[in-house]
Amino acid sequence: MAAKILVVDDQANMCWILSKVLAEAGFAVATAQTGKDALAIVAEGEVMAAIIDYRLPDMTGIQLLARIHDNHTRLPAFLITSYGSKALRQEALQAGFAGYFDKPFHNQTLVAALRRTVP
């Protein structure tokens, strides 16, 4: 069974693109465009890692990871953002993200990071 990756981004086209890239890399993919929807998917189980955009309509990606880690402390996640800075990178890593990627990023770099993280 392929590892299930959750992609959370408020832009439908980014969810679609990452879904295609990850599926081609052999992962199963679920997508959400809000933090609330992402939490519901994680609660269903089987999510092995998450890719989370920083700016979501109902919370930040850092707030979402904190909520996820309330019940799923070991779920690895990667923050993606179009609004990157050194300060945000540091905040994300301190918050428990396994990695941080400024948009645009190389899809294969993200896939490689997932392969190193997901068993």
PDB file of N, CA and C in Angstrom:
ATOM      1  N   MET A   1       0.841  -1.187   0.000  1.00  0.00           N
ATOM      2  CA  MET A   1       0.000   0.000   0.000  1.00  0.00           C
ATOM      3  C   MET A   1       0.884   1.248   0.000  1.00  0.00           C
ATOM      4  N   ALA A   2       0.564   2.195  -0.844  1.00  0.00           N
ATOM      5  CA  ALA A   2       1.340   3.426  -0.963  1.00  0.00           C
ATOM      6  C   ALA A   2       1.103   4.323   0.253  1.00  0.00           C
ATOM      7  N   ALA A   3       2.158   4.998   0.672  1.00  0.00           N
ATOM      8  CA  ALA A   3       2.045   5.945   1.780  1.00  0.00           C
ATOM      9  C   ALA A   3       1.136   7.096   1.374  1.00  0.00           C
ATOM     10  N   LYS A   4       0.233   7.479   2.283  1.00  0.00           N
ATOM     11  CA  LYS A   4      -0.717   8.559   2.004  1.00  0.00           C
ATOM     12  C   LYS A   4      -0.139   9.887   2.471  1.00  0.00           C
ATOM     13  N   ILE A   5      -0.068  10.838   1.543  1.00  0.00           N
ATOM     14  CA  ILE A   5       0.449  12.175   1.814  1.00  0.00           C
ATOM     15  C   ILE A   5      -0.709  13.163   1.737  1.00  0.00           C
ATOM     16  N   LEU A   6      -0.812  14.037   2.719  1.00  0.00           N
ATOM     17  CA  LEU A   6      -1.832  15.080   2.723  1.00  0.00           C
ATOM     18  C   LEU A   6      -1.222  16.375   2.190  1.00  0.00           C
ATOM     19  N   VAL A   7      -1.853  16.956   1.185  1.00  0.00           N
ATOM     20  CA  VAL A   7      -1.438  18.246   0.628  1.00  0.00           C
ATOM     21  C   VAL A   7      -2.483  19.274   1.040  1.00  0.00           C
ATOM     22  N   VAL A   8      -2.038  20.329   1.732  1.00  0.00           N
ATOM     23  CA  VAL A   8      -2.955  21.368   2.199  1.00  0.00           C
ATOM     24  C   VAL A   8      -2.515  22.699   1.594  1.00  0.00           C
ATOM     25  N   ASP A   9      -3.323  23.229   0.696  1.00  0.00           N
ATOM     26  CA  ASP A   9      -3.023  24.510   0.052  1.00  0.00           C
ATOM     27  C   ASP A   9      -4.342  25.130  -0.368  1.00  0.00           C
ATOM     28  N   ASP A  10      -4.516  26.426  -0.137  1.00  0.00           N
ATOM     29  CA  ASP A  10      -5.769  27.083  -0.493  1.00  0.00           C
ATOM     30  C   ASP A  10      -5.940  27.252  -1.999  1.00  0.00           C
ATOM     31  N   GLN A  11      -4.881  27.054  -2.755  1.00  0.00           N
ATOM     32  CA  GLN A  11      -4.961  27.161  -4.212  1.00  0.00           C
ATOM     33  C   GLN A  11      -5.199  25.768  -4.811  1.00  0.00           C
ATOM     34  N   ALA A  12      -6.353  25.608  -5.445  1.00  0.00           N
ATOM     35  CA  ALA A  12      -6.716  24.316  -6.022  1.00  0.00           C
ATOM     36  C   ALA A  12      -5.686  23.834  -7.029  1.00  0.00           C
ATOM     37  N   ASN A  13      -5.095  24.750  -7.809  1.00  0.00           N
ATOM     38  CA  ASN A  13      -4.118  24.323  -8.813  1.00  0.00           C
ATOM     39  C   ASN A  13      -2.858  23.760  -8.156  1.00  0.00           C
ATOM     40  N   MET A  14      -2.438  24.281  -7.013  1.00  0.00           N
ATOM     41  CA  MET A  14      -1.275  23.740  -6.327  1.00  0.00           C
ATOM     42  C   MET A  14      -1.584  22.344  -5.781  1.00  0.00           C
ATOM     43  N   CYS A  15      -2.777  22.156  -5.251  1.00  0.00           N
ATOM     44  CA  CYS A  15      -3.181  20.819  -4.794  1.00  0.00           C
ATOM     45  C   CYS A  15      -3.159  19.838  -5.958  1.00  0.00           C
ATOM     46  N   TRP A  16      -3.674  20.262  -7.096  1.00  0.00           N
ATOM     47  CA  TRP A  16      -3.731  19.394  -8.270  1.00  0.00           C
ATOM     48  C   TRP A  16      -2.329  19.036  -8.750  1.00  0.00           C
ATOM     49  N   ILE A  17      -1.466  20.036  -8.877  1.00  0.00           N
ATOM     50  CA  ILE A  17      -0.099  19.786  -9.350  1.00  0.00           C
ATOM     51  C   ILE A  17       0.637  18.842  -8.411  1.00  0.00           C
ATOM     52  N   LEU A  18       0.604  19.125  -7.119  1.00  0.00           N
ATOM     53  CA  LEU A  18       1.309  18.260  -6.166  1.00  0.00           C
ATOM     54  C   LEU A  18       0.707  16.863  -6.131  1.00  0.00           C
ATOM     55  N   SER A  19      -0.600  16.750  -6.306  1.00  0.00           N
ATOM     56  CA  SER A  19      -1.242  15.433  -6.368  1.00  0.00           C
ATOM     57  C   SER A  19      -0.676  14.608  -7.515  1.00  0.00           C
ATOM     58  N   LYS A  20      -0.538  15.238  -8.680  1.00  0.00           N
ATOM     59  CA  LYS A  20       0.002  14.540  -9.852  1.00  0.00           C
ATOM     60  C   LYS A  20       1.460  14.139  -9.629  1.00  0.00           C
ATOM     61  N   VAL A  21       2.262  15.068  -9.127  1.00  0.00           N
ATOM     62  CA  VAL A  21       3.687  14.797  -8.891  1.00  0.00           C
ATOM     63  C   VAL A  21       3.855  13.663  -7.887  1.00  0.00           C
ATOM     64  N   LEU A  22       3.115  13.714  -6.799  1.00  0.00           N
ATOM     65  CA  LEU A  22       3.242  12.693  -5.753  1.00  0.00           C
ATOM     66  C   LEU A  22       2.698  11.339  -6.204  1.00  0.00           C
ATOM     67  N   ALA A  23       1.603  11.350  -6.950  1.00  0.00           N
ATOM     68  CA  ALA A  23       1.063  10.084  -7.469  1.00  0.00           C
ATOM     69  C   ALA A  23       2.057   9.430  -8.415  1.00  0.00           C
ATOM     70  N   GLU A  24       2.688  10.232  -9.280  1.00  0.00           N
ATOM     71  CA  GLU A  24       3.696   9.686 -10.185  1.00  0.00           C
ATOM     72  C   GLU A  24       4.894   9.129  -9.423  1.00  0.00           C
ATOM     73  N   ALA A  25       5.149   9.662  -8.231  1.00  0.00           N
ATOM     74  CA  ALA A  25       6.257   9.184  -7.400  1.00  0.00           C
ATOM     75  C   ALA A  25       5.857   7.967  -6.569  1.00  0.00           C
ATOM     76  N   GLY A  26       4.592   7.537  -6.687  1.00  0.00           N
ATOM     77  CA  GLY A  26       4.161   6.322  -6.001  1.00  0.00           C
ATOM     78  C   GLY A  26       3.432   6.533  -4.687  1.00  0.00           C
ATOM     79  N   PHE A  27       3.088   7.759  -4.364  1.00  0.00           N
ATOM     80  CA  PHE A  27       2.361   8.050  -3.130  1.00  0.00           C
ATOM     81  C   PHE A  27       0.857   8.107  -3.392  1.00  0.00           C
ATOM     82  N   ALA A  28       0.071   7.785  -2.379  1.00  0.00           N
ATOM     83  CA  ALA A  28      -1.358   8.078  -2.398  1.00  0.00           C
ATOM     84  C   ALA A  28      -1.500   9.499  -1.868  1.00  0.00           C
ATOM     85  N   VAL A  29      -2.492  10.242  -2.354  1.00  0.00           N
ATOM     86  CA  VAL A  29      -2.595  11.658  -1.995  1.00  0.00           C
ATOM     87  C   VAL A  29      -4.015  12.016  -1.597  1.00  0.00           C
ATOM     88  N   ALA A  30      -4.113  12.816  -0.537  1.00  0.00           N
ATOM     89  CA  ALA A  30      -5.370  13.462  -0.150  1.00  0.00           C
ATOM     90  C   ALA A  30      -5.092  14.958  -0.161  1.00  0.00           C
ATOM     91  N   THR A  31      -6.107  15.756  -0.499  1.00  0.00           N
ATOM     92  CA  THR A  31      -5.903  17.203  -0.530  1.00  0.00           C
ATOM     93  C   THR A  31      -6.963  17.909   0.310  1.00  0.00           C
ATOM     94  N   ALA A  32      -6.575  19.082   0.808  1.00  0.00           N
ATOM     95  CA  ALA A  32      -7.496  19.948   1.548  1.00  0.00           C
ATOM     96  C   ALA A  32      -7.119  21.384   1.239  1.00  0.00           C
ATOM     97  N   GLN A  33      -8.107  22.268   1.271  1.00  0.00           N
ATOM     98  CA  GLN A  33      -7.839  23.675   1.004  1.00  0.00           C
ATOM     99  C   GLN A  33      -8.002  24.544   2.247  1.00  0.00           C
ATOM    100  N   THR A  34      -8.376  23.931   3.364  1.00  0.00           N
ATOM    101  CA  THR A  34      -8.483  24.650   4.632  1.00  0.00           C
ATOM    102  C   THR A  34      -7.882  23.805   5.741  1.00  0.00           C
ATOM    103  N   GLY A  35      -7.528  24.465   6.824  1.00  0.00           N
ATOM    104  CA  GLY A  35      -7.028  23.738   7.983  1.00  0.00           C
ATOM    105  C   GLY A  35      -8.080  22.801   8.551  1.00  0.00           C
ATOM    106  N   LYS A  36      -9.319  23.262   8.596  1.00  0.00           N
ATOM    107  CA  LYS A  36     -10.414  22.440   9.126  1.00  0.00           C
ATOM    108  C   LYS A  36     -10.547  21.136   8.338  1.00  0.00           C
ATOM    109  N   ASP A  37     -10.525  21.228   7.012  1.00  0.00           N
ATOM    110  CA  ASP A  37     -10.638  20.025   6.184  1.00  0.00           C
ATOM    111  C   ASP A  37      -9.422  19.119   6.372  1.00  0.00           C
ATOM    112  N   ALA A  38      -8.255  19.716   6.531  1.00  0.00           N
ATOM    113  CA  ALA A  38      -7.038  18.932   6.748  1.00  0.00           C
ATOM    114  C   ALA A  38      -7.127  18.152   8.050  1.00  0.00           C
ATOM    115  N   LEU A  39      -7.613  18.788   9.101  1.00  0.00           N
ATOM    116  CA  LEU A  39      -7.748  18.108  10.395  1.00  0.00           C
ATOM    117  C   LEU A  39      -8.704  16.925  10.297  1.00  0.00           C
ATOM    118  N   ALA A  40      -9.772  17.074   9.524  1.00  0.00           N
ATOM    119  CA  ALA A  40     -10.722  15.970   9.346  1.00  0.00           C
ATOM    120  C   ALA A  40     -10.062  14.798   8.626  1.00  0.00           C
ATOM    121  N   ILE A  41      -9.235  15.079   7.629  1.00  0.00           N
ATOM    122  CA  ILE A  41      -8.547  14.005   6.901  1.00  0.00           C
ATOM    123  C   ILE A  41      -7.545  13.306   7.803  1.00  0.00           C
ATOM    124  N   VAL A  42      -6.796  14.054   8.580  1.00  0.00           N
ATOM    125  CA  VAL A  42      -5.820  13.458   9.494  1.00  0.00           C
ATOM    126  C   VAL A  42      -6.539  12.590  10.527  1.00  0.00           C
ATOM    127  N   ALA A  43      -7.698  13.040  11.002  1.00  0.00           N
ATOM    128  CA  ALA A  43      -8.463  12.284  11.997  1.00  0.00           C
ATOM    129  C   ALA A  43      -8.931  10.933  11.458  1.00  0.00           C
ATOM    130  N   GLU A  44      -9.121  10.842  10.137  1.00  0.00           N
ATOM    131  CA  GLU A  44      -9.539   9.583   9.513  1.00  0.00           C
ATOM    132  C   GLU A  44      -8.433   8.533   9.587  1.00  0.00           C
ATOM    133  N   GLY A  45      -7.197   8.973   9.735  1.00  0.00           N
ATOM    134  CA  GLY A  45      -6.071   8.050   9.837  1.00  0.00           C
ATOM    135  C   GLY A  45      -5.388   7.804   8.507  1.00  0.00           C
ATOM    136  N   GLU A  46      -4.292   7.063   8.579  1.00  0.00           N
ATOM    137  CA  GLU A  46      -3.515   6.604   7.436  1.00  0.00           C
ATOM    138  C   GLU A  46      -2.637   7.665   6.776  1.00  0.00           C
ATOM    139  N   VAL A  47      -2.690   8.915   7.203  1.00  0.00           N
ATOM    140  CA  VAL A  47      -1.816   9.939   6.632  1.00  0.00           C
ATOM    141  C   VAL A  47      -0.416   9.726   7.202  1.00  0.00           C
ATOM    142  N   MET A  48       0.571   9.615   6.317  1.00  0.00           N
ATOM    143  CA  MET A  48       1.947   9.350   6.734  1.00  0.00           C
ATOM    144  C   MET A  48       2.798  10.615   6.797  1.00  0.00           C
ATOM    145  N   ALA A  49       2.383  11.679   6.092  1.00  0.00           N
ATOM    146  CA  ALA A  49       3.100  12.955   6.087  1.00  0.00           C
ATOM    147  C   ALA A  49       2.178  14.002   5.484  1.00  0.00           C
ATOM    148  N   ALA A  50       2.534  15.275   5.732  1.00  0.00           N
ATOM    149  CA  ALA A  50       1.728  16.367   5.198  1.00  0.00           C
ATOM    150  C   ALA A  50       2.619  17.427   4.576  1.00  0.00           C
ATOM    151  N   ILE A  51       2.100  18.048   3.530  1.00  0.00           N
ATOM    152  CA  ILE A  51       2.714  19.217   2.902  1.00  0.00           C
ATOM    153  C   ILE A  51       1.705  20.341   3.123  1.00  0.00           C
ATOM    154  N   ILE A  52       2.125  21.374   3.854  1.00  0.00           N
ATOM    155  CA  ILE A  52       1.184  22.394   4.308  1.00  0.00           C
ATOM    156  C   ILE A  52       1.635  23.781   3.861  1.00  0.00           C
ATOM    157  N   ASP A  53       0.732  24.492   3.206  1.00  0.00           N
ATOM    158  CA  ASP A  53       0.995  25.877   2.825  1.00  0.00           C
ATOM    159  C   ASP A  53       0.932  26.751   4.076  1.00  0.00           C
ATOM    160  N   TYR A  54       1.724  27.814   4.089  1.00  0.00           N
ATOM    161  CA  TYR A  54       1.736  28.701   5.253  1.00  0.00           C
ATOM    162  C   TYR A  54       0.432  29.484   5.396  1.00  0.00           C
ATOM    163  N   ARG A  55      -0.051  30.055   4.303  1.00  0.00           N
ATOM    164  CA  ARG A  55      -1.260  30.878   4.368  1.00  0.00           C
ATOM    165  C   ARG A  55      -2.479  30.079   3.933  1.00  0.00           C
ATOM    166  N   LEU A  56      -3.333  29.788   4.895  1.00  0.00           N
ATOM    167  CA  LEU A  56      -4.599  29.114   4.645  1.00  0.00           C
ATOM    168  C   LEU A  56      -5.720  30.063   5.045  1.00  0.00           C
ATOM    169  N   PRO A  57      -6.932  29.856   4.545  1.00  0.00           N
ATOM    170  CA  PRO A  57      -7.997  30.809   4.845  1.00  0.00           C
ATOM    171  C   PRO A  57      -8.416  30.844   6.317  1.00  0.00           C
ATOM    172  N   ASP A  58      -8.236  29.749   7.046  1.00  0.00           N
ATOM    173  CA  ASP A  58      -8.738  29.693   8.415  1.00  0.00           C
ATOM    174  C   ASP A  58      -7.656  29.627   9.493  1.00  0.00           C
ATOM    175  N   MET A  59      -6.398  29.454   9.109  1.00  0.00           N
ATOM    176  CA  MET A  59      -5.287  29.421  10.062  1.00  0.00           C
ATOM    177  C   MET A  59      -3.983  29.397   9.281  1.00  0.00           C
ATOM    178  N   THR A  60      -2.876  29.571   9.982  1.00  0.00           N
ATOM    179  CA  THR A  60      -1.585  29.444   9.306  1.00  0.00           C
ATOM    180  C   THR A  60      -1.179  27.972   9.294  1.00  0.00           C
ATOM    181  N   GLY A  61      -0.226  27.651   8.446  1.00  0.00           N
ATOM    182  CA  GLY A  61       0.293  26.290   8.421  1.00  0.00           C
ATOM    183  C   GLY A  61       0.925  25.902   9.754  1.00  0.00           C
ATOM    184  N   ILE A  62       1.537  26.857  10.422  1.00  0.00           N
ATOM    185  CA  ILE A  62       2.156  26.578  11.733  1.00  0.00           C
ATOM    186  C   ILE A  62       1.077  26.271  12.763  1.00  0.00           C
ATOM    187  N   GLN A  63      -0.020  27.012  12.738  1.00  0.00           N
ATOM    188  CA  GLN A  63      -1.134  26.708  13.639  1.00  0.00           C
ATOM    189  C   GLN A  63      -1.726  25.339  13.328  1.00  0.00           C
ATOM    190  N   LEU A  64      -1.833  25.023  12.046  1.00  0.00           N
ATOM    191  CA  LEU A  64      -2.371  23.717  11.653  1.00  0.00           C
ATOM    192  C   LEU A  64      -1.482  22.596  12.166  1.00  0.00           C
ATOM    193  N   LEU A  65      -0.181  22.719  12.008  1.00  0.00           N
ATOM    194  CA  LEU A  65       0.702  21.655  12.489  1.00  0.00           C
ATOM    195  C   LEU A  65       0.573  21.486  14.003  1.00  0.00           C
ATOM    196  N   ALA A  66       0.458  22.570  14.733  1.00  0.00           N
ATOM    197  CA  ALA A  66       0.279  22.464  16.187  1.00  0.00           C
ATOM    198  C   ALA A  66      -0.995  21.689  16.513  1.00  0.00           C
ATOM    199  N   ARG A  67      -2.069  21.953  15.783  1.00  0.00           N
ATOM    200  CA  ARG A  67      -3.333  21.227  16.011  1.00  0.00           C
ATOM    201  C   ARG A  67      -3.200  19.757  15.626  1.00  0.00           C
ATOM    202  N   ILE A  68      -2.504  19.482  14.526  1.00  0.00           N
ATOM    203  CA  ILE A  68      -2.278  18.086  14.124  1.00  0.00           C
ATOM    204  C   ILE A  68      -1.476  17.361  15.190  1.00  0.00           C
ATOM    205  N   HIS A  69      -0.428  18.008  15.673  1.00  0.00           N
ATOM    206  CA  HIS A  69       0.454  17.370  16.654  1.00  0.00           C
ATOM    207  C   HIS A  69      -0.202  17.189  18.018  1.00  0.00           C
ATOM    208  N   ASP A  70      -1.353  17.816  18.260  1.00  0.00           N
ATOM    209  CA  ASP A  70      -2.089  17.561  19.503  1.00  0.00           C
ATOM    210  C   ASP A  70      -2.447  16.089  19.629  1.00  0.00           C
ATOM    211  N   ASN A  71      -2.765  15.449  18.499  1.00  0.00           N
ATOM    212  CA  ASN A  71      -3.180  14.041  18.515  1.00  0.00           C
ATOM    213  C   ASN A  71      -2.276  13.117  17.712  1.00  0.00           C
ATOM    214  N   HIS A  72      -1.454  13.664  16.859  1.00  0.00           N
ATOM    215  CA  HIS A  72      -0.589  12.866  15.981  1.00  0.00           C
ATOM    216  C   HIS A  72       0.823  13.443  16.052  1.00  0.00           C
ATOM    217  N   THR A  73       1.462  13.270  17.185  1.00  0.00           N
ATOM    218  CA  THR A  73       2.729  13.942  17.466  1.00  0.00           C
ATOM    219  C   THR A  73       3.853  13.558  16.518  1.00  0.00           C
ATOM    220  N   ARG A  74       3.770  12.424  15.900  1.00  0.00           N
ATOM    221  CA  ARG A  74       4.867  11.951  15.050  1.00  0.00           C
ATOM    222  C   ARG A  74       4.637  12.184  13.558  1.00  0.00           C
ATOM    223  N   LEU A  75       3.558  12.821  13.193  1.00  0.00           N
ATOM    224  CA  LEU A  75       3.282  13.042  11.774  1.00  0.00           C
ATOM    225  C   LEU A  75       4.243  14.088  11.215  1.00  0.00           C
ATOM    226  N   PRO A  76       5.120  13.696  10.279  1.00  0.00           N
ATOM    227  CA  PRO A  76       6.044  14.675   9.694  1.00  0.00           C
ATOM    228  C   PRO A  76       5.315  15.584   8.707  1.00  0.00           C
ATOM    229  N   ALA A  77       5.757  16.825   8.660  1.00  0.00           N
ATOM    230  CA  ALA A  77       5.133  17.785   7.766  1.00  0.00           C
ATOM    231  C   ALA A  77       6.185  18.724   7.189  1.00  0.00           C
ATOM    232  N   PHE A  78       5.887  19.232   6.004  1.00  0.00           N
ATOM    233  CA  PHE A  78       6.749  20.171   5.301  1.00  0.00           C
ATOM    234  C   PHE A  78       5.954  21.434   5.036  1.00  0.00           C
ATOM    235  N   LEU A  79       6.529  22.587   5.328  1.00  0.00           N
ATOM    236  CA  LEU A  79       5.872  23.858   5.086  1.00  0.00           C
ATOM    237  C   LEU A  79       6.287  24.379   3.719  1.00  0.00           C
ATOM    238  N   ILE A  80       5.301  24.822   2.928  1.00  0.00           N
ATOM    239  CA  ILE A  80       5.572  25.470   1.651  1.00  0.00           C
ATOM    240  C   ILE A  80       4.970  26.875   1.711  1.00  0.00           C
ATOM    241  N   THR A  81       5.628  27.827   1.065  1.00  0.00           N
ATOM    242  CA  THR A  81       5.124  29.194   1.131  1.00  0.00           C
ATOM    243  C   THR A  81       5.637  30.052  -0.020  1.00  0.00           C
ATOM    244  N   SER A  82       4.817  31.014  -0.395  1.00  0.00           N
ATOM    245  CA  SER A  82       5.233  32.042  -1.352  1.00  0.00           C
ATOM    246  C   SER A  82       5.739  33.276  -0.626  1.00  0.00           C
ATOM    247  N   TYR A  83       5.622  33.277   0.685  1.00  0.00           N
ATOM    248  CA  TYR A  83       5.951  34.449   1.493  1.00  0.00           C
ATOM    249  C   TYR A  83       7.108  34.141   2.437  1.00  0.00           C
ATOM    250  N   GLY A  84       8.126  33.484   1.930  1.00  0.00           N
ATOM    251  CA  GLY A  84       9.216  33.005   2.759  1.00  0.00           C
ATOM    252  C   GLY A  84      10.159  34.080   3.256  1.00  0.00           C
ATOM    253  N   SER A  85      10.792  33.748   4.361  1.00  0.00           N
ATOM    254  CA  SER A  85      11.829  34.590   4.949  1.00  0.00           C
ATOM    255  C   SER A  85      12.666  33.712   5.869  1.00  0.00           C
ATOM    256  N   LYS A  86      13.828  34.209   6.253  1.00  0.00           N
ATOM    257  CA  LYS A  86      14.657  33.461   7.197  1.00  0.00           C
ATOM    258  C   LYS A  86      13.922  33.277   8.515  1.00  0.00           C
ATOM    259  N   ALA A  87      13.210  34.296   8.936  1.00  0.00           N
ATOM    260  CA  ALA A  87      12.471  34.223  10.204  1.00  0.00           C
ATOM    261  C   ALA A  87      11.377  33.157  10.137  1.00  0.00           C
ATOM    262  N   LEU A  88      10.651  33.099   9.024  1.00  0.00           N
ATOM    263  CA  LEU A  88       9.600  32.093   8.881  1.00  0.00           C
ATOM    264  C   LEU A  88      10.202  30.699   8.826  1.00  0.00           C
ATOM    265  N   ARG A  89      11.315  30.543   8.108  1.00  0.00           N
ATOM    266  CA  ARG A  89      11.987  29.241   8.049  1.00  0.00           C
ATOM    267  C   ARG A  89      12.350  28.773   9.458  1.00  0.00           C
ATOM    268  N   GLN A  90      12.932  29.662  10.243  1.00  0.00           N
ATOM    269  CA  GLN A  90      13.327  29.322  11.609  1.00  0.00           C
ATOM    270  C   GLN A  90      12.103  28.980  12.462  1.00  0.00           C
ATOM    271  N   GLU A  91      11.047  29.787  12.338  1.00  0.00           N
ATOM    272  CA  GLU A  91       9.823  29.534  13.096  1.00  0.00           C
ATOM    273  C   GLU A  91       9.228  28.177  12.730  1.00  0.00           C
ATOM    274  N   ALA A  92       9.212  27.850  11.434  1.00  0.00           N
ATOM    275  CA  ALA A  92       8.657  26.580  10.976  1.00  0.00           C
ATOM    276  C   ALA A  92       9.444  25.398  11.529  1.00  0.00           C
ATOM    277  N   LEU A  93      10.746  25.475  11.458  1.00  0.00           N
ATOM    278  CA  LEU A  93      11.564  24.363  11.950  1.00  0.00           C
ATOM    279  C   LEU A  93      11.438  24.226  13.464  1.00  0.00           C
ATOM    280  N   GLN A  94      11.357  25.347  14.172  1.00  0.00           N
ATOM    281  CA  GLN A  94      11.167  25.296  15.623  1.00  0.00           C
ATOM    282  C   GLN A  94       9.789  24.751  15.990  1.00  0.00           C
ATOM    283  N   ALA A  95       8.802  24.960  15.117  1.00  0.00           N
ATOM    284  CA  ALA A  95       7.448  24.468  15.349  1.00  0.00           C
ATOM    285  C   ALA A  95       7.323  22.967  15.099  1.00  0.00           C
ATOM    286  N   GLY A  96       8.350  22.370  14.497  1.00  0.00           N
ATOM    287  CA  GLY A  96       8.325  20.929  14.292  1.00  0.00           C
ATOM    288  C   GLY A  96       8.205  20.469  12.860  1.00  0.00           C
ATOM    289  N   PHE A  97       8.268  21.395  11.911  1.00  0.00           N
ATOM    290  CA  PHE A  97       8.241  20.964  10.513  1.00  0.00           C
ATOM    291  C   PHE A  97       9.534  20.236  10.179  1.00  0.00           C
ATOM    292  N   ALA A  98       9.423  19.174   9.389  1.00  0.00           N
ATOM    293  CA  ALA A  98      10.582  18.392   8.967  1.00  0.00           C
ATOM    294  C   ALA A  98      11.360  19.095   7.865  1.00  0.00           C
ATOM    295  N   GLY A  99      10.726  20.059   7.193  1.00  0.00           N
ATOM    296  CA  GLY A  99      11.380  20.787   6.120  1.00  0.00           C
ATOM    297  C   GLY A  99      10.570  22.004   5.727  1.00  0.00           C
ATOM    298  N   TYR A 100      11.214  22.858   4.953  1.00  0.00           N
ATOM    299  CA  TYR A 100      10.634  24.145   4.562  1.00  0.00           C
ATOM    300  C   TYR A 100      11.013  24.400   3.108  1.00  0.00           C
ATOM    301  N   PHE A 101      10.024  24.784   2.291  1.00  0.00           N
ATOM    302  CA  PHE A 101      10.267  25.030   0.877  1.00  0.00           C
ATOM    303  C   PHE A 101       9.612  26.329   0.448  1.00  0.00           C
ATOM    304  N   ASP A 102      10.413  27.243  -0.120  1.00  0.00           N
ATOM    305  CA  ASP A 102       9.879  28.455  -0.726  1.00  0.00           C
ATOM    306  C   ASP A 102       9.339  28.118  -2.103  1.00  0.00           C
ATOM    307  N   LYS A 103       8.156  28.652  -2.436  1.00  0.00           N
ATOM    308  CA  LYS A 103       7.612  28.507  -3.786  1.00  0.00           C
ATOM    309  C   LYS A 103       8.291  29.535  -4.673  1.00  0.00           C
ATOM    310  N   PRO A 104       8.603  29.215  -5.899  1.00  0.00           N
ATOM    311  CA  PRO A 104       8.512  27.879  -6.484  1.00  0.00           C
ATOM    312  C   PRO A 104       9.678  27.011  -6.012  1.00  0.00           C
ATOM    313  N   PHE A 105       9.418  25.735  -5.895  1.00  0.00           N
ATOM    314  CA  PHE A 105      10.449  24.783  -5.493  1.00  0.00           C
ATOM    315  C   PHE A 105      10.513  23.679  -6.542  1.00  0.00           C
ATOM    316  N   HIS A 106      11.581  22.932  -6.512  1.00  0.00           N
ATOM    317  CA  HIS A 106      11.718  21.800  -7.435  1.00  0.00           C
ATOM    318  C   HIS A 106      10.917  20.634  -6.879  1.00  0.00           C
ATOM    319  N   ASN A 107       9.972  20.148  -7.658  1.00  0.00           N
ATOM    320  CA  ASN A 107       9.106  19.056  -7.206  1.00  0.00           C
ATOM    321  C   ASN A 107       9.908  17.854  -6.739  1.00  0.00           C
ATOM    322  N   GLN A 108      10.979  17.527  -7.460  1.00  0.00           N
ATOM    323  CA  GLN A 108      11.750  16.334  -7.103  1.00  0.00           C
ATOM    324  C   GLN A 108      12.496  16.509  -5.772  1.00  0.00           C
ATOM    325  N   THR A 109      12.810  17.743  -5.403  1.00  0.00           N
ATOM    326  CA  THR A 109      13.436  17.988  -4.104  1.00  0.00           C
ATOM    327  C   THR A 109      12.443  17.677  -2.990  1.00  0.00           C
ATOM    328  N   LEU A 110      11.198  18.062  -3.179  1.00  0.00           N
ATOM    329  CA  LEU A 110      10.151  17.758  -2.206  1.00  0.00           C
ATOM    330  C   LEU A 110       9.898  16.259  -2.137  1.00  0.00           C
ATOM    331  N   VAL A 111       9.827  15.604  -3.284  1.00  0.00           N
ATOM    332  CA  VAL A 111       9.629  14.143  -3.323  1.00  0.00           C
ATOM    333  C   VAL A 111      10.775  13.442  -2.596  1.00  0.00           C
ATOM    334  N   ALA A 112      12.011  13.873  -2.816  1.00  0.00           N
ATOM    335  CA  ALA A 112      13.160  13.267  -2.153  1.00  0.00           C
ATOM    336  C   ALA A 112      13.062  13.445  -0.643  1.00  0.00           C
ATOM    337  N   ALA A 113      12.636  14.619  -0.193  1.00  0.00           N
ATOM    338  CA  ALA A 113      12.477  14.861   1.251  1.00  0.00           C
ATOM    339  C   ALA A 113      11.415  13.927   1.831  1.00  0.00           C
ATOM    340  N   LEU A 114      10.322  13.727   1.103  1.00  0.00           N
ATOM    341  CA  LEU A 114       9.275  12.804   1.568  1.00  0.00           C
ATOM    342  C   LEU A 114       9.814  11.382   1.649  1.00  0.00           C
ATOM    343  N   ARG A 115      10.550  10.955   0.646  1.00  0.00           N
ATOM    344  CA  ARG A 115      11.104   9.588   0.648  1.00  0.00           C
ATOM    345  C   ARG A 115      12.050   9.361   1.823  1.00  0.00           C
ATOM    346  N   ARG A 116      12.786  10.396   2.210  1.00  0.00           N
ATOM    347  CA  ARG A 116      13.687  10.269   3.366  1.00  0.00           C
ATOM    348  C   ARG A 116      12.914  10.209   4.686  1.00  0.00           C
ATOM    349  N   THR A 117      11.712  10.770   4.687  1.00  0.00           N
ATOM    350  CA  THR A 117      10.944  10.911   5.916  1.00  0.00           C
ATOM    351  C   THR A 117       9.918   9.807   6.112  1.00  0.00           C
ATOM    352  N   VAL A 118       9.267   9.374   5.039  1.00  0.00           N
ATOM    353  CA  VAL A 118       8.184   8.407   5.123  1.00  0.00           C
ATOM    354  C   VAL A 118       8.738   7.004   4.920  1.00  0.00           C
ATOM    355  N   PRO A 119       8.426   6.100   5.841  1.00  0.00           N
ATOM    356  CA  PRO A 119       8.952   4.715   5.693  1.00  0.00           C
ATOM    357  C   PRO A 119       8.387   3.995   4.482  1.00  0.00           C
TER     358      PRO A 119
END
